[in-house]
Amino acid sequence: TEMIEAMGYKVKCVRVTKRVQEAYFAELCVTKMDDETASLSFDLRPSDAINIAVICKVPIQVNKSVAHHDGLKMVEPANPTFRALPDGSLLSEMDRPDGQPCPESEEFVLLRNMLIAAVEERYDDAAQWKDLLKQFRSRRQ
């Protein structure tokens, strides 16, 4: 980031643009410090791009098709129940384990493991996690 600033640019955002076979692609978007309309983008490994986004506290954008194909489906309970705690905060049934298997957390673990493997560039592992995630999702439908 120091090199980017030394060139007179600032980081605007990071984009995960596509996945080809088992490889994700990302780009770093920068703008001139004195002219927001002057922008550049650089292709980077997703792990490097995400690290820069975290350091610079800028948004990480994910292409819709990547998010739709590889992302986690958000699930909301039909009738959420809440209980007030002594400190005033609310506790829902989703916040505490009930001893039953939780499909949402199982799906999250599979997705998390896939993304970690991809960011760490362990593409064979990421592909295996993706296959497990697809199998899991197909059983739930």
C-alpha atoms as a PDB file:
ATOM      1  CA  THR A   1       0.000   0.000   0.000  1.00  0.00           C
ATOM      2  CA  GLU A   2       2.917   2.347   0.615  1.00  0.00           C
ATOM      3  CA  MET A   3       4.015   1.879  -2.988  1.00  0.00           C
ATOM      4  CA  ILE A   4       0.520   2.734  -4.240  1.00  0.00           C
ATOM      5  CA  GLU A   5       0.459   5.887  -2.118  1.00  0.00           C
ATOM      6  CA  ALA A   6       3.977   6.840  -3.260  1.00  0.00           C
ATOM      7  CA  MET A   7       2.685   6.766  -6.849  1.00  0.00           C
ATOM      8  CA  GLY A   8      -0.108   9.184  -5.875  1.00  0.00           C
ATOM      9  CA  TYR A   9      -2.943   6.646  -5.790  1.00  0.00           C
ATOM     10  CA  LYS A  10      -5.247   5.282  -3.123  1.00  0.00           C
ATOM     11  CA  VAL A  11      -7.021   1.935  -2.978  1.00  0.00           C
ATOM     12  CA  LYS A  12     -10.719   2.201  -3.815  1.00  0.00           C
ATOM     13  CA  CYS A  13     -11.860  -1.431  -3.676  1.00  0.00           C
ATOM     14  CA  VAL A  14     -11.035  -5.045  -4.432  1.00  0.00           C
ATOM     15  CA  ARG A  15     -13.101  -7.168  -6.807  1.00  0.00           C
ATOM     16  CA  VAL A  16     -13.241 -10.933  -7.051  1.00  0.00           C
ATOM     17  CA  THR A  17     -14.112 -11.009 -10.738  1.00  0.00           C
ATOM     18  CA  LYS A  18     -14.384 -14.612 -11.871  1.00  0.00           C
ATOM     19  CA  ARG A  19     -13.537 -18.238 -11.377  1.00  0.00           C
ATOM     20  CA  VAL A  20     -12.039 -20.254 -14.211  1.00  0.00           C
ATOM     21  CA  GLN A  21     -11.995 -23.965 -13.444  1.00  0.00           C
ATOM     22  CA  GLU A  22     -10.723 -23.902  -9.855  1.00  0.00           C
ATOM     23  CA  ALA A  23      -8.856 -20.570  -9.951  1.00  0.00           C
ATOM     24  CA  TYR A  24     -10.363 -17.325  -8.684  1.00  0.00           C
ATOM     25  CA  PHE A  25      -9.305 -13.999 -10.184  1.00  0.00           C
ATOM     26  CA  ALA A  26      -9.301 -10.618  -8.479  1.00  0.00           C
ATOM     27  CA  GLU A  27      -8.427  -7.040  -9.265  1.00  0.00           C
ATOM     28  CA  LEU A  28      -7.308  -4.090  -7.198  1.00  0.00           C
ATOM     29  CA  CYS A  29      -9.001  -0.784  -8.095  1.00  0.00           C
ATOM     30  CA  VAL A  30      -7.094   2.415  -7.347  1.00  0.00           C
ATOM     31  CA  THR A  31      -7.799   6.101  -8.005  1.00  0.00           C
ATOM     32  CA  LYS A  32      -5.547   9.148  -8.165  1.00  0.00           C
ATOM     33  CA  MET A  33      -5.456  10.909  -4.800  1.00  0.00           C
ATOM     34  CA  ASP A  34      -6.231  14.288  -6.375  1.00  0.00           C
ATOM     35  CA  ASP A  35      -8.575  13.047  -9.131  1.00  0.00           C
ATOM     36  CA  GLU A  36     -11.190  10.375  -8.357  1.00  0.00           C
ATOM     37  CA  THR A  37     -11.997  10.042 -12.072  1.00  0.00           C
ATOM     38  CA  ALA A  38      -8.482   8.792 -12.869  1.00  0.00           C
ATOM     39  CA  SER A  39      -8.577   5.133 -11.973  1.00  0.00           C
ATOM     40  CA  LEU A  40      -6.598   1.977 -12.676  1.00  0.00           C
ATOM     41  CA  SER A  41      -7.115  -1.674 -11.919  1.00  0.00           C
ATOM     42  CA  PHE A  42      -4.525  -4.397 -11.463  1.00  0.00           C
ATOM     43  CA  ASP A  43      -4.981  -8.145 -11.634  1.00  0.00           C
ATOM     44  CA  LEU A  44      -3.906  -9.786  -8.386  1.00  0.00           C
ATOM     45  CA  ARG A  45      -4.166 -13.129  -6.685  1.00  0.00           C
ATOM     46  CA  PRO A  46      -7.327 -13.126  -4.563  1.00  0.00           C
ATOM     47  CA  SER A  47      -5.325 -13.719  -1.385  1.00  0.00           C
ATOM     48  CA  ASP A  48      -3.187 -10.629  -2.029  1.00  0.00           C
ATOM     49  CA  ALA A  49      -6.173  -8.513  -3.042  1.00  0.00           C
ATOM     50  CA  ILE A  50      -8.160  -9.471   0.063  1.00  0.00           C
ATOM     51  CA  ASN A  51      -5.174  -8.773   2.313  1.00  0.00           C
ATOM     52  CA  ILE A  52      -4.805  -5.300   0.782  1.00  0.00           C
ATOM     53  CA  ALA A  53      -8.545  -4.654   1.205  1.00  0.00           C
ATOM     54  CA  VAL A  54      -8.365  -5.587   4.878  1.00  0.00           C
ATOM     55  CA  ILE A  55      -5.286  -3.422   5.477  1.00  0.00           C
ATOM     56  CA  CYS A  56      -6.781  -0.432   3.622  1.00  0.00           C
ATOM     57  CA  LYS A  57     -10.304  -0.987   5.010  1.00  0.00           C
ATOM     58  CA  VAL A  58     -11.931  -0.858   1.565  1.00  0.00           C
ATOM     59  CA  PRO A  59     -14.865  -2.881   0.192  1.00  0.00           C
ATOM     60  CA  ILE A  60     -14.417  -6.357  -1.239  1.00  0.00           C
ATOM     61  CA  GLN A  61     -16.821  -6.801  -4.146  1.00  0.00           C
ATOM     62  CA  VAL A  62     -17.684 -10.224  -5.553  1.00  0.00           C
ATOM     63  CA  ASN A  63     -19.062 -10.778  -9.052  1.00  0.00           C
ATOM     64  CA  LYS A  64     -22.735 -11.823  -8.866  1.00  0.00           C
ATOM     65  CA  SER A  65     -22.211 -15.047 -10.792  1.00  0.00           C
ATOM     66  CA  VAL A  66     -19.334 -16.065  -8.496  1.00  0.00           C
ATOM     67  CA  ALA A  67     -21.375 -15.231  -5.400  1.00  0.00           C
ATOM     68  CA  HIS A  68     -24.436 -17.038  -6.756  1.00  0.00           C
ATOM     69  CA  HIS A  69     -22.546 -20.152  -7.822  1.00  0.00           C
ATOM     70  CA  ASP A  70     -20.066 -20.461  -4.940  1.00  0.00           C
ATOM     71  CA  GLY A  71     -21.679 -18.380  -2.221  1.00  0.00           C
ATOM     72  CA  LEU A  72     -23.706 -19.242   0.844  1.00  0.00           C
ATOM     73  CA  LYS A  73     -27.483 -18.959   0.728  1.00  0.00           C
ATOM     74  CA  MET A  74     -28.819 -16.826   3.569  1.00  0.00           C
ATOM     75  CA  VAL A  75     -31.474 -18.636   5.571  1.00  0.00           C
ATOM     76  CA  GLU A  76     -33.842 -16.867   7.927  1.00  0.00           C
ATOM     77  CA  PRO A  77     -36.015 -18.823  10.367  1.00  0.00           C
ATOM     78  CA  ALA A  78     -39.745 -18.550   9.629  1.00  0.00           C
ATOM     79  CA  ASN A  79     -40.706 -17.441  13.145  1.00  0.00           C
ATOM     80  CA  PRO A  80     -37.647 -16.319  15.058  1.00  0.00           C
ATOM     81  CA  THR A  81     -38.000 -16.389  18.824  1.00  0.00           C
ATOM     82  CA  PHE A  82     -36.009 -14.076  21.043  1.00  0.00           C
ATOM     83  CA  ARG A  83     -35.288 -14.051  24.753  1.00  0.00           C
ATOM     84  CA  ALA A  84     -34.010 -10.986  26.623  1.00  0.00           C
ATOM     85  CA  LEU A  85     -30.817 -11.413  28.620  1.00  0.00           C
ATOM     86  CA  PRO A  86     -30.122  -9.521  31.879  1.00  0.00           C
ATOM     87  CA  ASP A  87     -27.809  -7.104  30.048  1.00  0.00           C
ATOM     88  CA  GLY A  88     -30.637  -6.139  27.666  1.00  0.00           C
ATOM     89  CA  SER A  89     -29.335  -7.996  24.622  1.00  0.00           C
ATOM     90  CA  LEU A  90     -31.515 -10.462  22.752  1.00  0.00           C
ATOM     91  CA  LEU A  91     -30.781 -14.148  22.302  1.00  0.00           C
ATOM     92  CA  SER A  92     -32.413 -16.060  19.463  1.00  0.00           C
ATOM     93  CA  GLU A  93     -32.728 -19.796  18.944  1.00  0.00           C
ATOM     94  CA  MET A  94     -30.057 -19.436  16.244  1.00  0.00           C
ATOM     95  CA  ASP A  95     -27.599 -18.130  18.871  1.00  0.00           C
ATOM     96  CA  ARG A  96     -27.458 -21.209  21.038  1.00  0.00           C
ATOM     97  CA  PRO A  97     -26.991 -24.874  20.246  1.00  0.00           C
ATOM     98  CA  ASP A  98     -29.889 -27.200  20.957  1.00  0.00           C
ATOM     99  CA  GLY A  99     -28.011 -30.458  20.393  1.00  0.00           C
ATOM    100  CA  GLN A 100     -29.576 -30.932  16.962  1.00  0.00           C
ATOM    101  CA  PRO A 101     -27.597 -30.820  13.709  1.00  0.00           C
ATOM    102  CA  CYS A 102     -27.730 -27.349  12.197  1.00  0.00           C
ATOM    103  CA  PRO A 103     -27.733 -27.501   8.373  1.00  0.00           C
ATOM    104  CA  GLU A 104     -26.888 -23.805   8.094  1.00  0.00           C
ATOM    105  CA  SER A 105     -23.738 -24.196  10.183  1.00  0.00           C
ATOM    106  CA  GLU A 106     -22.745 -27.355   8.275  1.00  0.00           C
ATOM    107  CA  GLU A 107     -23.109 -25.446   5.005  1.00  0.00           C
ATOM    108  CA  PHE A 108     -21.155 -22.512   6.419  1.00  0.00           C
ATOM    109  CA  VAL A 109     -18.270 -24.774   7.489  1.00  0.00           C
ATOM    110  CA  LEU A 110     -18.081 -26.322   4.011  1.00  0.00           C
ATOM    111  CA  LEU A 111     -18.126 -22.902   2.340  1.00  0.00           C
ATOM    112  CA  ARG A 112     -15.582 -21.465   4.772  1.00  0.00           C
ATOM    113  CA  ASN A 113     -13.198 -24.361   4.176  1.00  0.00           C
ATOM    114  CA  MET A 114     -13.568 -23.956   0.405  1.00  0.00           C
ATOM    115  CA  LEU A 115     -12.829 -20.226   0.543  1.00  0.00           C
ATOM    116  CA  ILE A 116      -9.862 -20.659   2.873  1.00  0.00           C
ATOM    117  CA  ALA A 117      -8.380 -23.263   0.544  1.00  0.00           C
ATOM    118  CA  ALA A 118      -8.907 -20.942  -2.448  1.00  0.00           C
ATOM    119  CA  VAL A 119      -7.344 -17.934  -0.711  1.00  0.00           C
ATOM    120  CA  GLU A 120      -4.400 -20.089   0.346  1.00  0.00           C
ATOM    121  CA  GLU A 121      -4.165 -21.237  -3.288  1.00  0.00           C
ATOM    122  CA  ARG A 122      -4.784 -24.902  -2.431  1.00  0.00           C
ATOM    123  CA  TYR A 123      -6.992 -25.310  -5.467  1.00  0.00           C
ATOM    124  CA  ASP A 124      -7.313 -29.104  -5.334  1.00  0.00           C
ATOM    125  CA  ASP A 125      -8.565 -28.847  -1.743  1.00  0.00           C
ATOM    126  CA  ALA A 126     -10.911 -26.001  -2.732  1.00  0.00           C
ATOM    127  CA  ALA A 127     -12.335 -28.170  -5.522  1.00  0.00           C
ATOM    128  CA  GLN A 128     -12.967 -31.023  -3.085  1.00  0.00           C
ATOM    129  CA  TRP A 129     -14.720 -28.672  -0.643  1.00  0.00           C
ATOM    130  CA  LYS A 130     -16.778 -27.249  -3.535  1.00  0.00           C
ATOM    131  CA  ASP A 131     -17.882 -30.766  -4.515  1.00  0.00           C
ATOM    132  CA  LEU A 132     -18.860 -31.529  -0.912  1.00  0.00           C
ATOM    133  CA  LEU A 133     -20.790 -28.242  -0.759  1.00  0.00           C
ATOM    134  CA  LYS A 134     -22.658 -29.088  -3.984  1.00  0.00           C
ATOM    135  CA  GLN A 135     -23.519 -32.559  -2.641  1.00  0.00           C
ATOM    136  CA  PHE A 136     -24.716 -31.055   0.641  1.00  0.00           C
ATOM    137  CA  ARG A 137     -26.888 -28.470  -1.138  1.00  0.00           C
ATOM    138  CA  SER A 138     -28.367 -31.061  -3.515  1.00  0.00           C
ATOM    139  CA  ARG A 139     -29.419 -33.232  -0.526  1.00  0.00           C
ATOM    140  CA  ARG A 140     -31.182 -30.236   1.081  1.00  0.00           C
ATOM    141  CA  GLN A 141     -33.358 -29.389  -1.932  1.00  0.00           C
END
